[in-house]
């Protein structure tokens, strides 16, 4: 009984440490995003060193843009990844008597690596849209047709088998860890990478919605982050996602119809 009580106390302490760390990382990411949004709002159609220049993009501008996307993904995705990380922490602690302790940070590092790769692709997409004059200096789509197509595609994706498969894995932390558990630091990294891939597979089209209302529109960013959290954590979140997908399809059709009429 005493051993069980001591273990529960240790598990509670571990979860508190992880939650505090995740909250700190998320707060820093949102603070950085807030600074960039404030900085952008105080620039007259141009950017200083904190953001890519909108007229002429060089290598450093693209690096800064990639960093911006990476930080944004941390701000948006860490809250929805918290249940998985807490479950990993609990299972890892319970297995400590048989195996060496594996820091949760290694798992989180693998998760971040996948989203860093996504951020690089998002940077390339934004660069391409900018080069084609389809984005404004405030990083908002200038084409109603493009916006309508993105809404339509994102809404349709909510009903695809790929979305369902990835979301199911994200919604079941225990099931994922029971089937994909690997020992050691390398195992934790691999699990983080695999979970990150499921997460990207579930959410990548939702991130494309940022081009519709503005990449640096913090209200839009927060709304998408909240939706992702609901979809992954709340009971029947999958149903919420499908209903929202229908709404996105309708919005896309309306936007396309208005663009064609004009």
Protein backbone atom coordinates (compact mmCIF):
# COMPACT_ATOMS: atom_id res chain seq x y z
CA UNK A 1 0.00 0.00 0.00
CA UNK A 2 2.77 2.42 0.91
CA UNK A 3 4.63 1.56 -2.29
CA UNK A 4 1.51 2.21 -4.34
CA UNK A 5 0.91 5.52 -2.57
CA UNK A 6 4.52 6.58 -3.13
CA UNK A 7 4.26 5.72 -6.83
CA UNK A 8 1.08 7.75 -7.22
CA UNK A 9 2.79 10.70 -5.56
CA UNK A 10 5.73 10.41 -7.97
CA UNK A 11 3.35 10.12 -10.95
CA UNK A 12 1.50 13.24 -9.82
CA UNK A 13 4.78 15.11 -9.49
CA UNK A 14 5.91 13.94 -12.95
CA UNK A 15 2.67 15.04 -14.57
CA UNK A 16 2.88 18.44 -12.90
CA UNK A 17 6.44 18.93 -14.13
CA UNK A 18 5.44 17.97 -17.68
CA UNK A 19 2.35 20.19 -17.64
CA UNK A 20 4.39 23.12 -16.34
CA UNK A 21 6.98 22.62 -19.05
CA UNK A 22 4.36 22.36 -21.79
CA UNK A 23 2.57 25.45 -20.50
CA UNK A 24 5.85 27.36 -20.49
CA UNK A 25 6.74 26.30 -24.05
CA UNK A 26 3.26 27.19 -25.28
CA UNK A 27 3.30 30.58 -23.52
CA UNK A 28 6.68 31.46 -25.02
CA UNK A 29 5.49 30.46 -28.50
CA UNK A 30 2.34 32.58 -28.21
CA UNK A 31 4.36 35.49 -26.84
CA UNK A 32 6.65 35.31 -29.86
CA UNK A 33 3.66 35.15 -32.20
CA UNK A 34 2.12 38.11 -30.44
CA UNK A 35 5.34 40.07 -30.87
CA UNK A 36 5.46 39.28 -34.60
CA UNK A 37 1.80 40.29 -35.04
CA UNK A 38 2.41 43.54 -33.15
CA UNK A 39 5.55 44.22 -35.15
CA UNK A 40 3.72 43.54 -38.39
CA UNK A 41 0.92 45.91 -37.44
CA UNK A 42 3.42 48.73 -36.85
CA UNK A 43 5.16 48.37 -40.19
CA UNK A 44 3.97 50.23 -43.26
CA UNK A 45 3.83 47.37 -45.81
CA UNK A 46 7.32 46.20 -44.93
CA UNK A 47 9.01 44.09 -42.26
CA UNK A 48 11.99 44.58 -40.02
CA UNK A 49 14.51 41.91 -39.04
CA UNK A 50 11.91 39.96 -37.07
CA UNK A 51 9.89 39.03 -40.17
CA UNK A 52 10.60 38.26 -43.83
CA UNK A 53 10.64 41.28 -46.14
CA UNK A 54 7.66 41.15 -48.46
CA UNK A 55 9.27 42.81 -51.47
CA UNK A 56 12.49 40.85 -51.82
CA UNK A 57 12.99 37.57 -50.06
CA UNK A 58 16.50 36.29 -49.52
CA UNK A 59 17.84 33.20 -47.78
CA UNK A 60 17.62 34.81 -44.33
CA UNK A 61 14.04 35.89 -44.95
CA UNK A 62 13.09 32.30 -45.77
CA UNK A 63 14.85 31.04 -42.64
CA UNK A 64 12.93 33.56 -40.52
CA UNK A 65 9.70 32.55 -42.24
CA UNK A 66 10.39 28.89 -41.50
CA UNK A 67 11.10 29.75 -37.86
CA UNK A 68 7.83 31.68 -37.71
CA UNK A 69 5.90 28.66 -38.95
CA UNK A 70 7.73 26.32 -36.56
CA UNK A 71 6.95 28.53 -33.55
CA UNK A 72 3.35 28.83 -34.71
CA UNK A 73 3.04 25.04 -34.87
CA UNK A 74 4.39 24.79 -31.33
CA UNK A 75 1.83 27.34 -30.12
CA UNK A 76 -1.03 25.57 -31.89
CA UNK A 77 -0.19 21.88 -31.43
CA UNK A 78 1.45 21.46 -28.01
CA UNK A 79 -1.87 21.77 -26.08
CA UNK A 80 -3.48 19.00 -28.14
CA UNK A 81 -0.38 16.82 -27.71
CA UNK A 82 -0.46 17.16 -23.90
CA UNK A 83 -2.64 14.06 -23.26
CA UNK A 84 -0.22 11.88 -25.25
CA UNK A 85 2.80 13.30 -23.44
CA UNK A 86 1.20 12.84 -20.03
CA UNK A 87 0.32 9.24 -20.88
CA UNK A 88 3.88 8.61 -22.05
CA UNK A 89 5.22 10.10 -18.82
CA UNK A 90 2.96 7.85 -16.72
CA UNK A 91 3.77 4.62 -18.58
CA UNK A 92 7.46 5.44 -18.68
CA UNK A 93 7.55 6.02 -14.92
CA UNK A 94 5.70 2.76 -14.21
CA UNK A 95 8.24 0.85 -16.33
CA UNK A 96 11.21 2.44 -14.64
CA UNK A 97 11.93 -0.61 -12.50
CA UNK A 98 12.64 -2.65 -15.65
CA UNK A 99 14.06 -0.04 -18.01
CA UNK A 100 16.16 3.14 -17.77
CA UNK A 101 14.24 6.38 -17.48
CA UNK A 102 13.55 7.96 -20.84
CA UNK A 103 12.92 11.72 -20.71
CA UNK A 104 9.59 12.86 -22.08
CA UNK A 105 11.59 15.60 -23.79
CA UNK A 106 12.97 13.01 -26.23
CA UNK A 107 9.45 12.03 -27.27
CA UNK A 108 8.51 15.70 -27.60
CA UNK A 109 11.66 16.32 -29.63
CA UNK A 110 10.61 13.72 -32.18
CA UNK A 111 7.17 15.29 -32.33
CA UNK A 112 8.70 18.73 -32.93
CA UNK A 113 10.97 17.39 -35.69
CA UNK A 114 7.97 16.32 -37.76
CA UNK A 115 6.27 19.68 -37.36
CA UNK A 116 9.57 21.40 -38.22
CA UNK A 117 9.52 19.49 -41.50
CA UNK A 118 5.95 20.62 -42.07
CA UNK A 119 6.99 24.20 -41.32
CA UNK A 120 9.63 23.99 -44.04
CA UNK A 121 7.00 22.86 -46.56
CA UNK A 122 4.62 25.60 -45.38
CA UNK A 123 7.39 28.14 -45.89
CA UNK A 124 7.87 26.91 -49.47
CA UNK A 125 4.12 27.11 -50.08
CA UNK A 126 3.97 30.67 -48.77
CA UNK A 127 6.99 31.64 -50.85
CA UNK A 128 5.29 30.23 -53.94
CA UNK A 129 2.03 32.04 -53.23
CA UNK A 130 3.93 35.26 -52.60
CA UNK A 131 5.85 34.89 -55.86
CA UNK A 132 2.56 34.35 -57.70
CA UNK A 133 1.14 37.53 -56.09
CA UNK A 134 -1.60 35.49 -54.38
CA UNK A 135 -0.74 36.75 -50.88
CA UNK A 136 -0.95 40.29 -49.54
CA UNK A 137 1.88 41.83 -47.47
CA UNK A 138 -0.21 40.85 -44.42
CA UNK A 139 -0.07 37.20 -45.58
CA UNK A 140 -3.73 36.99 -46.56
CA UNK A 141 -4.95 35.39 -49.79
CA UNK A 142 -5.71 38.03 -52.41
CA UNK A 143 -7.69 35.57 -54.54
CA UNK A 144 -11.27 34.65 -53.56
CA UNK A 145 -10.96 31.64 -55.85
CA UNK A 146 -7.87 30.43 -53.99
CA UNK A 147 -9.59 31.03 -50.65
CA UNK A 148 -12.70 29.17 -51.78
CA UNK A 149 -10.70 26.22 -53.05
CA UNK A 150 -8.74 25.99 -49.79
CA UNK A 151 -11.96 26.04 -47.75
CA UNK A 152 -13.53 23.44 -50.01
CA UNK A 153 -10.50 21.16 -49.90
CA UNK A 154 -10.04 21.50 -46.12
CA UNK A 155 -13.70 20.73 -45.50
CA UNK A 156 -13.69 17.72 -47.81
CA UNK A 157 -10.52 16.38 -46.15
CA UNK A 158 -12.40 16.18 -42.84
CA UNK A 159 -14.42 13.28 -44.32
CA UNK A 160 -11.55 11.26 -45.81
CA UNK A 161 -10.29 7.87 -44.52
CA UNK A 162 -6.81 9.38 -43.97
CA UNK A 163 -8.26 12.01 -41.66
CA UNK A 164 -10.25 9.39 -39.76
CA UNK A 165 -7.28 7.06 -39.35
CA UNK A 166 -4.89 9.75 -38.13
CA UNK A 167 -7.46 11.36 -35.84
CA UNK A 168 -8.31 7.98 -34.29
CA UNK A 169 -4.64 7.46 -33.39
CA UNK A 170 -4.37 10.97 -31.97
CA UNK A 171 -7.53 10.55 -29.88
CA UNK A 172 -6.27 7.36 -28.23
CA UNK A 173 -2.93 8.01 -26.45
CA UNK A 174 -3.05 4.71 -24.55
CA UNK A 175 -3.86 2.72 -27.67
CA UNK A 176 -1.00 4.38 -29.56
CA UNK A 177 1.54 3.71 -26.82
CA UNK A 178 0.38 0.12 -26.28
CA UNK A 179 0.87 -0.74 -29.97
CA UNK A 180 3.88 1.46 -30.76
CA UNK A 181 5.88 1.34 -27.53
CA UNK A 182 9.66 1.14 -27.94
CA UNK A 183 12.26 1.14 -25.21
CA UNK A 184 15.13 3.56 -24.73
CA UNK A 185 15.90 7.04 -25.95
CA UNK A 186 15.84 5.92 -29.58
CA UNK A 187 12.47 4.30 -29.01
CA UNK A 188 11.07 7.48 -27.47
CA UNK A 189 12.31 9.49 -30.44
CA UNK A 190 10.71 7.06 -32.89
CA UNK A 191 7.42 7.18 -31.00
CA UNK A 192 7.53 10.97 -31.06
CA UNK A 193 8.18 10.94 -34.79
CA UNK A 194 5.34 8.49 -35.43
CA UNK A 195 2.89 10.45 -33.30
CA UNK A 196 4.00 13.63 -35.06
CA UNK A 197 3.29 12.06 -38.44
CA UNK A 198 -0.20 11.03 -37.36
CA UNK A 199 -0.75 14.55 -36.04
CA UNK A 200 0.41 16.18 -39.26
CA UNK A 201 -1.70 13.75 -41.27
CA UNK A 202 -4.70 14.76 -39.19
CA UNK A 203 -4.21 18.54 -39.23
CA UNK A 204 -2.15 19.62 -42.24
CA UNK A 205 -5.10 20.80 -44.32
CA UNK A 206 -6.48 22.78 -41.40
CA UNK A 207 -3.22 24.72 -41.35
CA UNK A 208 -3.80 25.72 -44.97
CA UNK A 209 -6.79 27.72 -43.69
CA UNK A 210 -4.27 30.21 -42.32
CA UNK A 211 -3.76 31.47 -45.86
CA UNK A 212 -7.47 32.36 -46.09
CA UNK A 213 -7.81 34.72 -43.12
CA UNK A 214 -4.16 35.61 -42.63
CA UNK A 215 -1.12 33.70 -41.44
CA UNK A 216 -0.56 36.28 -38.70
CA UNK A 217 -4.22 36.71 -37.75
CA UNK A 218 -3.89 35.56 -34.14
CA UNK A 219 -7.64 35.17 -33.66
CA UNK A 220 -7.74 32.81 -36.64
CA UNK A 221 -4.67 30.97 -35.37
CA UNK A 222 -6.24 30.59 -31.92
CA UNK A 223 -9.53 29.43 -33.42
CA UNK A 224 -7.83 26.68 -35.43
CA UNK A 225 -5.76 25.64 -32.40
CA UNK A 226 -8.92 25.45 -30.26
CA UNK A 227 -10.68 23.41 -32.94
CA UNK A 228 -7.77 20.96 -33.12
CA UNK A 229 -7.86 20.58 -29.34
CA UNK A 230 -11.62 19.91 -29.35
CA UNK A 231 -11.30 17.44 -32.20
CA UNK A 232 -8.61 15.43 -30.42
CA UNK A 233 -9.63 15.63 -26.76
CA UNK A 234 -13.35 16.28 -26.36
CA UNK A 235 -15.74 13.29 -26.46
CA UNK A 236 -17.17 12.92 -29.98
CA UNK A 237 -14.60 15.38 -31.22
CA UNK A 238 -14.45 13.38 -34.44
CA UNK A 239 -18.12 14.19 -35.04
CA UNK A 240 -17.42 17.86 -34.36
CA UNK A 241 -14.68 17.69 -36.99
CA UNK A 242 -17.00 16.24 -39.61
CA UNK A 243 -19.69 18.81 -38.91
CA UNK A 244 -17.09 21.57 -39.19
CA UNK A 245 -15.91 20.00 -42.45
CA UNK A 246 -19.42 20.39 -43.86
CA UNK A 247 -19.42 24.02 -42.79
CA UNK A 248 -16.09 24.62 -44.50
CA UNK A 249 -17.39 23.07 -47.73
CA UNK A 250 -20.42 25.36 -47.67
CA UNK A 251 -18.23 28.41 -46.98
CA UNK A 252 -15.92 27.43 -49.81
CA UNK A 253 -18.79 27.04 -52.26
CA UNK A 254 -20.21 30.41 -51.24
CA UNK A 255 -16.84 32.11 -51.69
CA UNK A 256 -16.30 30.47 -55.08
CA UNK A 257 -19.82 31.42 -56.16
CA UNK A 258 -19.29 35.04 -55.21
CA UNK A 259 -15.93 35.11 -57.01
CA UNK A 260 -17.42 33.67 -60.20
CA UNK A 261 -20.38 36.05 -60.15
CA UNK A 262 -18.09 39.06 -59.80
